Structure formats: structure tokens, C-alpha cells
Amino acid sequence: MSSLLPFIPVRVNTEKQVWIWDTLRQALDTDELVYFPQEYSSNHRGQTKLEVVNNGRICAVPGWSVGLVESLLE
């Protein structure tokens, strides 16, 4: 982002807070969440949570996915 862009003021309603956790928590164990979508449409060609967990290329042990990060800077 360029530092030349002006700040845009926003209004915050302190009486009505934004909290999506309850909605997300309800959807976690359903097919509503899509992982790795190829496009953002009804034909997303993504995967459900169950498909991801059982995919050996993503989770070597069902339910576990481990990523290793290595610094390339010396």
C-alpha cells in the first residue's frame, strides 16, 4: 500500500459489535465451509472439511497437517 494514499475515516458502532465466531462455530462441522476453492462461486471445486482431513496429500495423519518453515537467510 502506498503511503501517499489518504486515511479514510470509518464509523464504528460500539453498541452492535461484529462477532462472527458463533456463525463460524456452527458451520465448522458441516459442509458449508469450503477449503481450497478454485473459484468463488457455487461451482467452487473446493473440498469439505472431511475431504481435507482424509486427503493424505494434505494431512499425512487424518486431522493433522504440519508445515515446516525454514529461513533461507544466512
C-alpha atoms as a PDB file:
ATOM      1  CA  MET A   1       0.000   0.000   0.000  1.00  0.00           C
ATOM      2  CA  SER A   2       1.334   3.397  -0.918  1.00  0.00           C
ATOM      3  CA  SER A   3       1.981   5.900   1.847  1.00  0.00           C
ATOM      4  CA  LEU A   4       0.544   8.558  -0.492  1.00  0.00           C
ATOM      5  CA  LEU A   5      -2.999   7.262  -0.048  1.00  0.00           C
ATOM      6  CA  PRO A   6      -5.057   9.285   2.432  1.00  0.00           C
ATOM      7  CA  PHE A   7      -6.577   7.667   5.503  1.00  0.00           C
ATOM      8  CA  ILE A   8     -10.290   7.010   5.189  1.00  0.00           C
ATOM      9  CA  PRO A   9     -12.235   7.576   8.410  1.00  0.00           C
ATOM     10  CA  VAL A  10     -14.698   4.870   9.417  1.00  0.00           C
ATOM     11  CA  ARG A  11     -17.569   4.818  11.835  1.00  0.00           C
ATOM     12  CA  VAL A  12     -17.717   2.130  14.492  1.00  0.00           C
ATOM     13  CA  ASN A  13     -20.973   1.207  16.165  1.00  0.00           C
ATOM     14  CA  THR A  14     -19.928   0.310  19.706  1.00  0.00           C
ATOM     15  CA  GLU A  15     -23.469  -0.815  20.537  1.00  0.00           C
ATOM     16  CA  LYS A  16     -23.555  -3.510  17.830  1.00  0.00           C
ATOM     17  CA  GLN A  17     -20.257  -5.325  17.752  1.00  0.00           C
ATOM     18  CA  VAL A  18     -19.184  -7.561  14.898  1.00  0.00           C
ATOM     19  CA  TRP A  19     -18.596 -11.101  16.089  1.00  0.00           C
ATOM     20  CA  ILE A  20     -18.632 -13.987  13.626  1.00  0.00           C
ATOM     21  CA  TRP A  21     -17.347 -16.773  15.867  1.00  0.00           C
ATOM     22  CA  ASP A  22     -20.838 -18.112  16.695  1.00  0.00           C
ATOM     23  CA  THR A  23     -21.699 -18.384  12.994  1.00  0.00           C
ATOM     24  CA  LEU A  24     -18.353 -19.946  12.164  1.00  0.00           C
ATOM     25  CA  ARG A  25     -18.560 -22.409  15.048  1.00  0.00           C
ATOM     26  CA  GLN A  26     -21.952 -23.619  13.781  1.00  0.00           C
ATOM     27  CA  ALA A  27     -20.535 -24.184  10.285  1.00  0.00           C
ATOM     28  CA  LEU A  28     -17.311 -25.968  11.293  1.00  0.00           C
ATOM     29  CA  ASP A  29     -18.750 -29.471  11.281  1.00  0.00           C
ATOM     30  CA  THR A  30     -20.956 -29.053   8.225  1.00  0.00           C
ATOM     31  CA  ASP A  31     -20.235 -28.950   4.517  1.00  0.00           C
ATOM     32  CA  GLU A  32     -20.820 -25.171   4.497  1.00  0.00           C
ATOM     33  CA  LEU A  33     -17.112 -24.321   4.769  1.00  0.00           C
ATOM     34  CA  VAL A  34     -15.081 -24.817   1.612  1.00  0.00           C
ATOM     35  CA  TYR A  35     -11.338 -25.424   1.754  1.00  0.00           C
ATOM     36  CA  PHE A  36      -9.022 -24.663  -1.170  1.00  0.00           C
ATOM     37  CA  PRO A  37     -11.695 -23.274  -3.534  1.00  0.00           C
ATOM     38  CA  GLN A  38     -10.591 -22.889  -7.138  1.00  0.00           C
ATOM     39  CA  GLU A  39     -13.100 -20.092  -7.685  1.00  0.00           C
ATOM     40  CA  TYR A  40     -15.550 -18.109  -5.597  1.00  0.00           C
ATOM     41  CA  SER A  41     -18.879 -19.309  -6.975  1.00  0.00           C
ATOM     42  CA  SER A  42     -21.381 -22.087  -6.344  1.00  0.00           C
ATOM     43  CA  ASN A  43     -19.121 -24.274  -8.521  1.00  0.00           C
ATOM     44  CA  HIS A  44     -16.078 -23.693  -6.282  1.00  0.00           C
ATOM     45  CA  ARG A  45     -14.487 -27.129  -6.881  1.00  0.00           C
ATOM     46  CA  GLY A  46     -13.104 -26.941  -3.337  1.00  0.00           C
ATOM     47  CA  GLN A  47     -13.153 -29.553  -0.605  1.00  0.00           C
ATOM     48  CA  THR A  48     -15.176 -30.116   2.526  1.00  0.00           C
ATOM     49  CA  LYS A  49     -13.523 -30.493   5.929  1.00  0.00           C
ATOM     50  CA  LEU A  50     -13.982 -34.274   5.791  1.00  0.00           C
ATOM     51  CA  GLU A  51     -12.374 -34.450   2.342  1.00  0.00           C
ATOM     52  CA  VAL A  52      -9.387 -32.387   3.517  1.00  0.00           C
ATOM     53  CA  VAL A  53      -8.881 -34.428   6.699  1.00  0.00           C
ATOM     54  CA  ASN A  54      -8.955 -37.685   4.734  1.00  0.00           C
ATOM     55  CA  ASN A  55      -6.688 -36.446   1.934  1.00  0.00           C
ATOM     56  CA  GLY A  56      -3.244 -37.958   2.527  1.00  0.00           C
ATOM     57  CA  ARG A  57      -1.605 -35.254   0.402  1.00  0.00           C
ATOM     58  CA  ILE A  58      -2.812 -32.574   2.857  1.00  0.00           C
ATOM     59  CA  CYS A  59      -2.962 -34.468   6.166  1.00  0.00           C
ATOM     60  CA  ALA A  60      -0.460 -37.313   6.479  1.00  0.00           C
ATOM     61  CA  VAL A  61      -2.265 -38.391   9.640  1.00  0.00           C
ATOM     62  CA  PRO A  62      -6.031 -37.756   9.391  1.00  0.00           C
ATOM     63  CA  GLY A  63      -6.789 -34.464  11.114  1.00  0.00           C
ATOM     64  CA  TRP A  64      -3.183 -33.302  11.362  1.00  0.00           C
ATOM     65  CA  SER A  65      -1.358 -31.064   8.942  1.00  0.00           C
ATOM     66  CA  VAL A  66       2.164 -29.933   9.757  1.00  0.00           C
ATOM     67  CA  GLY A  67       4.058 -27.279   7.859  1.00  0.00           C
ATOM     68  CA  LEU A  68       7.787 -26.777   8.217  1.00  0.00           C
ATOM     69  CA  VAL A  69       9.276 -23.332   7.681  1.00  0.00           C
ATOM     70  CA  GLU A  70      12.953 -22.793   7.075  1.00  0.00           C
ATOM     71  CA  SER A  71      14.703 -19.454   6.865  1.00  0.00           C
ATOM     72  CA  LEU A  72      16.672 -19.075   3.655  1.00  0.00           C
ATOM     73  CA  LEU A  73      18.596 -16.085   5.007  1.00  0.00           C
ATOM     74  CA  GLU A  74      22.056 -16.752   6.365  1.00  0.00           C
END
